[in-house]
Amino acid sequence: MTFYQTCVRGALRAYKLTLSPLIGRQCRFLPTCSEYAAEVLIGHGPWRGSWLAARRLCRCHPLGGSGYDPPPPPRGTPEGSARKWTCET
């Protein structure tokens, strides 16, 4: 694990231990907004990850959507460069 990943995961852990209990569970999505932010910051880097995390936080409001919203796969990976849209029954 790199130093950057350790810092991001440490910040997530600190948030969950300090601020999250005070605010309460209010996120409408899975994974939670804080977990989503940590995943995109690690997977996409600080610039694009910050943009994706901010965009997700703007969607997390009472009139917004809810449900399962996974982070997009990083660019340059087989999952991120060629998406396959399939319908499973």
PDB file of N, CA and C in Angstrom:
ATOM      1  N   MET A   1       0.846  -1.163   0.000  1.00  0.00           N
ATOM      2  CA  MET A   1       0.000   0.000   0.000  1.00  0.00           C
ATOM      3  C   MET A   1       0.898   1.235   0.000  1.00  0.00           C
ATOM      4  N   THR A   2       0.580   2.201  -0.860  1.00  0.00           N
ATOM      5  CA  THR A   2       1.396   3.398  -0.956  1.00  0.00           C
ATOM      6  C   THR A   2       1.073   4.366   0.184  1.00  0.00           C
ATOM      7  N   PHE A   3       1.911   5.365   0.321  1.00  0.00           N
ATOM      8  CA  PHE A   3       1.701   6.390   1.346  1.00  0.00           C
ATOM      9  C   PHE A   3       0.393   7.137   1.099  1.00  0.00           C
ATOM     10  N   TYR A   4       0.095   7.425  -0.170  1.00  0.00           N
ATOM     11  CA  TYR A   4      -1.148   8.125  -0.531  1.00  0.00           C
ATOM     12  C   TYR A   4      -2.376   7.304  -0.122  1.00  0.00           C
ATOM     13  N   GLN A   5      -2.357   6.010  -0.429  1.00  0.00           N
ATOM     14  CA  GLN A   5      -3.471   5.148  -0.056  1.00  0.00           C
ATOM     15  C   GLN A   5      -3.637   5.072   1.457  1.00  0.00           C
ATOM     16  N   THR A   6      -2.524   5.005   2.167  1.00  0.00           N
ATOM     17  CA  THR A   6      -2.571   4.975   3.626  1.00  0.00           C
ATOM     18  C   THR A   6      -3.184   6.256   4.181  1.00  0.00           C
ATOM     19  N   CYS A   7      -2.827   7.391   3.606  1.00  0.00           N
ATOM     20  CA  CYS A   7      -3.382   8.673   4.055  1.00  0.00           C
ATOM     21  C   CYS A   7      -4.886   8.751   3.800  1.00  0.00           C
ATOM     22  N   VAL A   8      -5.316   8.326   2.614  1.00  0.00           N
ATOM     23  CA  VAL A   8      -6.749   8.374   2.280  1.00  0.00           C
ATOM     24  C   VAL A   8      -7.530   7.440   3.198  1.00  0.00           C
ATOM     25  N   ARG A   9      -7.049   6.221   3.392  1.00  0.00           N
ATOM     26  CA  ARG A   9      -7.741   5.289   4.269  1.00  0.00           C
ATOM     27  C   ARG A   9      -7.717   5.754   5.723  1.00  0.00           C
ATOM     28  N   GLY A  10      -6.623   6.402   6.151  1.00  0.00           N
ATOM     29  CA  GLY A  10      -6.548   6.957   7.498  1.00  0.00           C
ATOM     30  C   GLY A  10      -7.534   8.094   7.696  1.00  0.00           C
ATOM     31  N   ALA A  11      -7.681   8.942   6.678  1.00  0.00           N
ATOM     32  CA  ALA A  11      -8.656  10.033   6.760  1.00  0.00           C
ATOM     33  C   ALA A  11     -10.081   9.484   6.826  1.00  0.00           C
ATOM     34  N   LEU A  12     -10.360   8.433   6.058  1.00  0.00           N
ATOM     35  CA  LEU A  12     -11.677   7.802   6.108  1.00  0.00           C
ATOM     36  C   LEU A  12     -11.938   7.226   7.496  1.00  0.00           C
ATOM     37  N   ARG A  13     -10.955   6.553   8.042  1.00  0.00           N
ATOM     38  CA  ARG A  13     -11.096   5.967   9.376  1.00  0.00           C
ATOM     39  C   ARG A  13     -11.307   7.047  10.442  1.00  0.00           C
ATOM     40  N   ALA A  14     -10.546   8.142  10.347  1.00  0.00           N
ATOM     41  CA  ALA A  14     -10.701   9.245  11.299  1.00  0.00           C
ATOM     42  C   ALA A  14     -12.096   9.865  11.199  1.00  0.00           C
ATOM     43  N   TYR A  15     -12.591  10.020   9.976  1.00  0.00           N
ATOM     44  CA  TYR A  15     -13.943  10.561   9.783  1.00  0.00           C
ATOM     45  C   TYR A  15     -14.986   9.636  10.413  1.00  0.00           C
ATOM     46  N   LYS A  16     -14.844   8.341  10.174  1.00  0.00           N
ATOM     47  CA  LYS A  16     -15.832   7.394  10.703  1.00  0.00           C
ATOM     48  C   LYS A  16     -15.818   7.318  12.224  1.00  0.00           C
ATOM     49  N   LEU A  17     -14.657   7.574  12.833  1.00  0.00           N
ATOM     50  CA  LEU A  17     -14.570   7.514  14.292  1.00  0.00           C
ATOM     51  C   LEU A  17     -14.974   8.818  14.969  1.00  0.00           C
ATOM     52  N   THR A  18     -14.835   9.953  14.283  1.00  0.00           N
ATOM     53  CA  THR A  18     -15.094  11.236  14.933  1.00  0.00           C
ATOM     54  C   THR A  18     -16.382  11.907  14.458  1.00  0.00           C
ATOM     55  N   LEU A  19     -16.464  12.271  13.202  1.00  0.00           N
ATOM     56  CA  LEU A  19     -17.603  13.050  12.716  1.00  0.00           C
ATOM     57  C   LEU A  19     -18.830  12.216  12.383  1.00  0.00           C
ATOM     58  N   SER A  20     -18.637  11.047  11.836  1.00  0.00           N
ATOM     59  CA  SER A  20     -19.773  10.227  11.416  1.00  0.00           C
ATOM     60  C   SER A  20     -20.747   9.907  12.554  1.00  0.00           C
ATOM     61  N   PRO A  21     -20.286   9.565  13.762  1.00  0.00           N
ATOM     62  CA  PRO A  21     -21.251   9.325  14.844  1.00  0.00           C
ATOM     63  C   PRO A  21     -22.037  10.576  15.228  1.00  0.00           C
ATOM     64  N   LEU A  22     -21.433  11.747  15.084  1.00  0.00           N
ATOM     65  CA  LEU A  22     -22.128  12.987  15.433  1.00  0.00           C
ATOM     66  C   LEU A  22     -23.176  13.354  14.387  1.00  0.00           C
ATOM     67  N   ILE A  23     -22.857  13.106  13.112  1.00  0.00           N
ATOM     68  CA  ILE A  23     -23.770  13.460  12.025  1.00  0.00           C
ATOM     69  C   ILE A  23     -24.888  12.440  11.910  1.00  0.00           C
ATOM     70  N   GLY A  24     -24.575  11.195  12.101  1.00  0.00           N
ATOM     71  CA  GLY A  24     -25.551  10.123  11.952  1.00  0.00           C
ATOM     72  C   GLY A  24     -25.521   9.554  10.542  1.00  0.00           C
ATOM     73  N   ARG A  25     -26.128   8.414  10.359  1.00  0.00           N
ATOM     74  CA  ARG A  25     -26.145   7.766   9.041  1.00  0.00           C
ATOM     75  C   ARG A  25     -27.226   8.423   8.192  1.00  0.00           C
ATOM     76  N   GLN A  26     -26.815   9.248   7.254  1.00  0.00           N
ATOM     77  CA  GLN A  26     -27.770   9.948   6.415  1.00  0.00           C
ATOM     78  C   GLN A  26     -27.530   9.739   4.937  1.00  0.00           C
ATOM     79  N   CYS A  27     -26.514   8.986   4.567  1.00  0.00           N
ATOM     80  CA  CYS A  27     -26.212   8.775   3.157  1.00  0.00           C
ATOM     81  C   CYS A  27     -27.270   7.875   2.539  1.00  0.00           C
ATOM     82  N   ARG A  28     -27.714   8.244   1.354  1.00  0.00           N
ATOM     83  CA  ARG A  28     -28.782   7.528   0.672  1.00  0.00           C
ATOM     84  C   ARG A  28     -28.252   6.451  -0.276  1.00  0.00           C
ATOM     85  N   PHE A  29     -26.942   6.366  -0.416  1.00  0.00           N
ATOM     86  CA  PHE A  29     -26.342   5.469  -1.387  1.00  0.00           C
ATOM     87  C   PHE A  29     -25.515   4.383  -0.706  1.00  0.00           C
ATOM     88  N   LEU A  30     -25.266   3.311  -1.446  1.00  0.00           N
ATOM     89  CA  LEU A  30     -24.299   2.288  -1.066  1.00  0.00           C
ATOM     90  C   LEU A  30     -23.282   2.193  -2.172  1.00  0.00           C
ATOM     91  N   PRO A  31     -22.025   2.217  -1.960  1.00  0.00           N
ATOM     92  CA  PRO A  31     -21.348   2.479  -0.693  1.00  0.00           C
ATOM     93  C   PRO A  31     -21.601   3.917  -0.235  1.00  0.00           C
ATOM     94  N   THR A  32     -21.385   4.159   1.039  1.00  0.00           N
ATOM     95  CA  THR A  32     -21.635   5.495   1.577  1.00  0.00           C
ATOM     96  C   THR A  32     -20.755   6.514   0.871  1.00  0.00           C
ATOM     97  N   CYS A  33     -21.103   7.771   0.997  1.00  0.00           N
ATOM     98  CA  CYS A  33     -20.358   8.829   0.303  1.00  0.00           C
ATOM     99  C   CYS A  33     -18.893   8.874   0.738  1.00  0.00           C
ATOM    100  N   SER A  34     -18.626   8.618   2.005  1.00  0.00           N
ATOM    101  CA  SER A  34     -17.237   8.644   2.463  1.00  0.00           C
ATOM    102  C   SER A  34     -16.445   7.466   1.896  1.00  0.00           C
ATOM    103  N   GLU A  35     -17.045   6.288   1.843  1.00  0.00           N
ATOM    104  CA  GLU A  35     -16.367   5.132   1.252  1.00  0.00           C
ATOM    105  C   GLU A  35     -16.177   5.319  -0.253  1.00  0.00           C
ATOM    106  N   TYR A  36     -17.175   5.890  -0.907  1.00  0.00           N
ATOM    107  CA  TYR A  36     -17.083   6.183  -2.342  1.00  0.00           C
ATOM    108  C   TYR A  36     -15.931   7.149  -2.599  1.00  0.00           C
ATOM    109  N   ALA A  37     -15.838   8.196  -1.776  1.00  0.00           N
ATOM    110  CA  ALA A  37     -14.769   9.188  -1.940  1.00  0.00           C
ATOM    111  C   ALA A  37     -13.396   8.541  -1.773  1.00  0.00           C
ATOM    112  N   ALA A  38     -13.245   7.689  -0.782  1.00  0.00           N
ATOM    113  CA  ALA A  38     -11.957   7.018  -0.584  1.00  0.00           C
ATOM    114  C   ALA A  38     -11.614   6.135  -1.774  1.00  0.00           C
ATOM    115  N   GLU A  39     -12.596   5.407  -2.304  1.00  0.00           N
ATOM    116  CA  GLU A  39     -12.343   4.523  -3.439  1.00  0.00           C
ATOM    117  C   GLU A  39     -11.959   5.304  -4.693  1.00  0.00           C
ATOM    118  N   VAL A  40     -12.661   6.398  -4.986  1.00  0.00           N
ATOM    119  CA  VAL A  40     -12.323   7.148  -6.204  1.00  0.00           C
ATOM    120  C   VAL A  40     -11.026   7.927  -6.036  1.00  0.00           C
ATOM    121  N   LEU A  41     -10.725   8.386  -4.838  1.00  0.00           N
ATOM    122  CA  LEU A  41      -9.452   9.074  -4.628  1.00  0.00           C
ATOM    123  C   LEU A  41      -8.279   8.125  -4.845  1.00  0.00           C
ATOM    124  N   ILE A  42      -8.419   6.886  -4.408  1.00  0.00           N
ATOM    125  CA  ILE A  42      -7.351   5.909  -4.600  1.00  0.00           C
ATOM    126  C   ILE A  42      -7.319   5.423  -6.045  1.00  0.00           C
ATOM    127  N   GLY A  43      -8.474   5.144  -6.621  1.00  0.00           N
ATOM    128  CA  GLY A  43      -8.534   4.586  -7.959  1.00  0.00           C
ATOM    129  C   GLY A  43      -8.269   5.567  -9.078  1.00  0.00           C
ATOM    130  N   HIS A  44      -8.682   6.825  -8.900  1.00  0.00           N
ATOM    131  CA  HIS A  44      -8.588   7.813  -9.974  1.00  0.00           C
ATOM    132  C   HIS A  44      -7.571   8.906  -9.719  1.00  0.00           C
ATOM    133  N   GLY A  45      -7.002   8.944  -8.523  1.00  0.00           N
ATOM    134  CA  GLY A  45      -6.037   9.983  -8.207  1.00  0.00           C
ATOM    135  C   GLY A  45      -6.704  11.176  -7.547  1.00  0.00           C
ATOM    136  N   PRO A  46      -5.902  12.118  -7.056  1.00  0.00           N
ATOM    137  CA  PRO A  46      -6.469  13.220  -6.279  1.00  0.00           C
ATOM    138  C   PRO A  46      -7.332  14.194  -7.087  1.00  0.00           C
ATOM    139  N   TRP A  47      -7.002  14.479  -8.331  1.00  0.00           N
ATOM    140  CA  TRP A  47      -7.758  15.483  -9.087  1.00  0.00           C
ATOM    141  C   TRP A  47      -9.095  14.951  -9.573  1.00  0.00           C
ATOM    142  N   ARG A  48      -9.061  13.888 -10.352  1.00  0.00           N
ATOM    143  CA  ARG A  48     -10.319  13.329 -10.861  1.00  0.00           C
ATOM    144  C   ARG A  48     -11.125  12.712  -9.720  1.00  0.00           C
ATOM    145  N   GLY A  49     -10.449  12.114  -8.742  1.00  0.00           N
ATOM    146  CA  GLY A  49     -11.140  11.544  -7.594  1.00  0.00           C
ATOM    147  C   GLY A  49     -11.885  12.596  -6.789  1.00  0.00           C
ATOM    148  N   SER A  50     -11.274  13.761  -6.622  1.00  0.00           N
ATOM    149  CA  SER A  50     -11.952  14.854  -5.909  1.00  0.00           C
ATOM    150  C   SER A  50     -13.183  15.311  -6.671  1.00  0.00           C
ATOM    151  N   TRP A  51     -13.069  15.392  -7.999  1.00  0.00           N
ATOM    152  CA  TRP A  51     -14.208  15.797  -8.822  1.00  0.00           C
ATOM    153  C   TRP A  51     -15.346  14.772  -8.697  1.00  0.00           C
ATOM    154  N   LEU A  52     -15.030  13.497  -8.795  1.00  0.00           N
ATOM    155  CA  LEU A  52     -16.059  12.463  -8.690  1.00  0.00           C
ATOM    156  C   LEU A  52     -16.697  12.447  -7.300  1.00  0.00           C
ATOM    157  N   ALA A  53     -15.892  12.635  -6.259  1.00  0.00           N
ATOM    158  CA  ALA A  53     -16.423  12.653  -4.889  1.00  0.00           C
ATOM    159  C   ALA A  53     -17.339  13.863  -4.678  1.00  0.00           C
ATOM    160  N   ALA A  54     -16.944  15.029  -5.188  1.00  0.00           N
ATOM    161  CA  ALA A  54     -17.775  16.230  -5.052  1.00  0.00           C
ATOM    162  C   ALA A  54     -19.087  16.063  -5.809  1.00  0.00           C
ATOM    163  N   ARG A  55     -19.010  15.457  -6.988  1.00  0.00           N
ATOM    164  CA  ARG A  55     -20.218  15.217  -7.774  1.00  0.00           C
ATOM    165  C   ARG A  55     -21.173  14.285  -7.038  1.00  0.00           C
ATOM    166  N   ARG A  56     -20.622  13.272  -6.395  1.00  0.00           N
ATOM    167  CA  ARG A  56     -21.452  12.333  -5.623  1.00  0.00           C
ATOM    168  C   ARG A  56     -22.090  13.029  -4.421  1.00  0.00           C
ATOM    169  N   LEU A  57     -21.317  13.869  -3.722  1.00  0.00           N
ATOM    170  CA  LEU A  57     -21.871  14.585  -2.566  1.00  0.00           C
ATOM    171  C   LEU A  57     -23.009  15.516  -2.977  1.00  0.00           C
ATOM    172  N   CYS A  58     -22.930  16.084  -4.164  1.00  0.00           N
ATOM    173  CA  CYS A  58     -24.003  16.957  -4.643  1.00  0.00           C
ATOM    174  C   CYS A  58     -25.280  16.176  -4.957  1.00  0.00           C
ATOM    175  N   ARG A  59     -25.154  14.892  -5.254  1.00  0.00           N
ATOM    176  CA  ARG A  59     -26.329  14.061  -5.520  1.00  0.00           C
ATOM    177  C   ARG A  59     -26.950  13.510  -4.249  1.00  0.00           C
ATOM    178  N   CYS A  60     -26.261  13.584  -3.142  1.00  0.00           N
ATOM    179  CA  CYS A  60     -26.735  12.990  -1.887  1.00  0.00           C
ATOM    180  C   CYS A  60     -27.520  14.037  -1.101  1.00  0.00           C
ATOM    181  N   HIS A  61     -28.794  14.198  -1.474  1.00  0.00           N
ATOM    182  CA  HIS A  61     -29.673  15.135  -0.785  1.00  0.00           C
ATOM    183  C   HIS A  61     -31.076  14.536  -0.760  1.00  0.00           C
ATOM    184  N   PRO A  62     -31.983  15.076   0.051  1.00  0.00           N
ATOM    185  CA  PRO A  62     -33.305  14.452   0.203  1.00  0.00           C
ATOM    186  C   PRO A  62     -34.088  14.289  -1.097  1.00  0.00           C
ATOM    187  N   LEU A  63     -33.901  15.154  -2.062  1.00  0.00           N
ATOM    188  CA  LEU A  63     -34.647  15.048  -3.310  1.00  0.00           C
ATOM    189  C   LEU A  63     -33.893  14.269  -4.380  1.00  0.00           C
ATOM    190  N   GLY A  64     -32.684  13.822  -4.067  1.00  0.00           N
ATOM    191  CA  GLY A  64     -31.875  13.074  -5.025  1.00  0.00           C
ATOM    192  C   GLY A  64     -32.220  11.603  -5.035  1.00  0.00           C
ATOM    193  N   GLY A  65     -31.452  10.841  -5.773  1.00  0.00           N
ATOM    194  CA  GLY A  65     -31.681   9.406  -5.883  1.00  0.00           C
ATOM    195  C   GLY A  65     -31.157   8.664  -4.674  1.00  0.00           C
ATOM    196  N   SER A  66     -31.238   7.348  -4.770  1.00  0.00           N
ATOM    197  CA  SER A  66     -30.715   6.504  -3.710  1.00  0.00           C
ATOM    198  C   SER A  66     -30.455   5.127  -4.296  1.00  0.00           C
ATOM    199  N   GLY A  67     -29.816   4.269  -3.523  1.00  0.00           N
ATOM    200  CA  GLY A  67     -29.559   2.912  -3.970  1.00  0.00           C
ATOM    201  C   GLY A  67     -28.084   2.629  -4.160  1.00  0.00           C
ATOM    202  N   TYR A  68     -27.808   1.580  -4.921  1.00  0.00           N
ATOM    203  CA  TYR A  68     -26.429   1.146  -5.156  1.00  0.00           C
ATOM    204  C   TYR A  68     -25.822   1.999  -6.262  1.00  0.00           C
ATOM    205  N   ASP A  69     -24.715   2.665  -5.943  1.00  0.00           N
ATOM    206  CA  ASP A  69     -24.031   3.543  -6.893  1.00  0.00           C
ATOM    207  C   ASP A  69     -22.528   3.315  -6.751  1.00  0.00           C
ATOM    208  N   PRO A  70     -21.993   2.319  -7.470  1.00  0.00           N
ATOM    209  CA  PRO A  70     -20.567   2.020  -7.330  1.00  0.00           C
ATOM    210  C   PRO A  70     -19.711   3.058  -8.018  1.00  0.00           C
ATOM    211  N   PRO A  71     -18.465   3.213  -7.583  1.00  0.00           N
ATOM    212  CA  PRO A  71     -17.565   4.143  -8.265  1.00  0.00           C
ATOM    213  C   PRO A  71     -17.227   3.624  -9.657  1.00  0.00           C
ATOM    214  N   PRO A  72     -16.996   4.532 -10.613  1.00  0.00           N
ATOM    215  CA  PRO A  72     -16.623   4.079 -11.947  1.00  0.00           C
ATOM    216  C   PRO A  72     -15.239   3.445 -11.933  1.00  0.00           C
ATOM    217  N   PRO A  73     -15.003   2.481 -12.816  1.00  0.00           N
ATOM    218  CA  PRO A  73     -13.668   1.865 -12.861  1.00  0.00           C
ATOM    219  C   PRO A  73     -12.636   2.874 -13.340  1.00  0.00           C
ATOM    220  N   PRO A  74     -11.405   2.767 -12.856  1.00  0.00           N
ATOM    221  CA  PRO A  74     -10.349   3.697 -13.283  1.00  0.00           C
ATOM    222  C   PRO A  74     -10.095   3.602 -14.778  1.00  0.00           C
ATOM    223  N   ARG A  75      -9.724   4.728 -15.373  1.00  0.00           N
ATOM    224  CA  ARG A  75      -9.393   4.748 -16.790  1.00  0.00           C
ATOM    225  C   ARG A  75      -8.122   3.945 -17.020  1.00  0.00           C
ATOM    226  N   GLY A  76      -8.064   3.306 -18.170  1.00  0.00           N
ATOM    227  CA  GLY A  76      -6.881   2.535 -18.499  1.00  0.00           C
ATOM    228  C   GLY A  76      -6.949   1.095 -18.045  1.00  0.00           C
ATOM    229  N   THR A  77      -8.006   0.714 -17.325  1.00  0.00           N
ATOM    230  CA  THR A  77      -8.179  -0.677 -16.929  1.00  0.00           C
ATOM    231  C   THR A  77      -9.124  -1.344 -17.922  1.00  0.00           C
ATOM    232  N   PRO A  78      -9.096  -2.650 -18.016  1.00  0.00           N
ATOM    233  CA  PRO A  78     -10.012  -3.316 -18.949  1.00  0.00           C
ATOM    234  C   PRO A  78     -11.478  -2.998 -18.671  1.00  0.00           C
ATOM    235  N   GLU A  79     -11.838  -2.819 -17.400  1.00  0.00           N
ATOM    236  CA  GLU A  79     -13.227  -2.489 -17.072  1.00  0.00           C
ATOM    237  C   GLU A  79     -13.570  -1.056 -17.462  1.00  0.00           C
ATOM    238  N   GLY A  80     -12.602  -0.158 -17.387  1.00  0.00           N
ATOM    239  CA  GLY A  80     -12.867   1.247 -17.657  1.00  0.00           C
ATOM    240  C   GLY A  80     -12.766   1.629 -19.121  1.00  0.00           C
ATOM    241  N   SER A  81     -11.989   0.894 -19.912  1.00  0.00           N
ATOM    242  CA  SER A  81     -11.800   1.287 -21.297  1.00  0.00           C
ATOM    243  C   SER A  81     -12.845   0.688 -22.232  1.00  0.00           C
ATOM    244  N   ALA A  82     -13.362  -0.470 -21.930  1.00  0.00           N
ATOM    245  CA  ALA A  82     -14.360  -1.099 -22.791  1.00  0.00           C
ATOM    246  C   ALA A  82     -15.469  -1.677 -21.925  1.00  0.00           C
ATOM    247  N   ARG A  83     -16.501  -0.891 -21.734  1.00  0.00           N
ATOM    248  CA  ARG A  83     -17.616  -1.368 -20.931  1.00  0.00           C
ATOM    249  C   ARG A  83     -18.489  -2.289 -21.757  1.00  0.00           C
ATOM    250  N   LYS A  84     -18.962  -3.324 -21.126  1.00  0.00           N
ATOM    251  CA  LYS A  84     -19.856  -4.256 -21.780  1.00  0.00           C
ATOM    252  C   LYS A  84     -21.215  -4.117 -21.122  1.00  0.00           C
ATOM    253  N   TRP A  85     -22.190  -3.728 -21.893  1.00  0.00           N
ATOM    254  CA  TRP A  85     -23.533  -3.573 -21.366  1.00  0.00           C
ATOM    255  C   TRP A  85     -24.296  -4.853 -21.647  1.00  0.00           C
ATOM    256  N   THR A  86     -24.593  -5.574 -20.598  1.00  0.00           N
ATOM    257  CA  THR A  86     -25.344  -6.819 -20.740  1.00  0.00           C
ATOM    258  C   THR A  86     -26.542  -6.781 -19.833  1.00  0.00           C
ATOM    259  N   CYS A  87     -27.504  -7.548 -20.192  1.00  0.00           N
ATOM    260  CA  CYS A  87     -28.710  -7.645 -19.375  1.00  0.00           C
ATOM    261  C   CYS A  87     -28.846  -9.086 -18.911  1.00  0.00           C
ATOM    262  N   GLU A  88     -28.745  -9.272 -17.616  1.00  0.00           N
ATOM    263  CA  GLU A  88     -28.861 -10.616 -17.059  1.00  0.00           C
ATOM    264  C   GLU A  88     -30.237 -10.791 -16.467  1.00  0.00           C
ATOM    265  N   THR A  89     -30.791 -11.968 -16.651  1.00  0.00           N
ATOM    266  CA  THR A  89     -32.109 -12.254 -16.091  1.00  0.00           C
ATOM    267  C   THR A  89     -32.022 -13.309 -15.040  1.00  0.00           C
TER     268      THR A  89
END
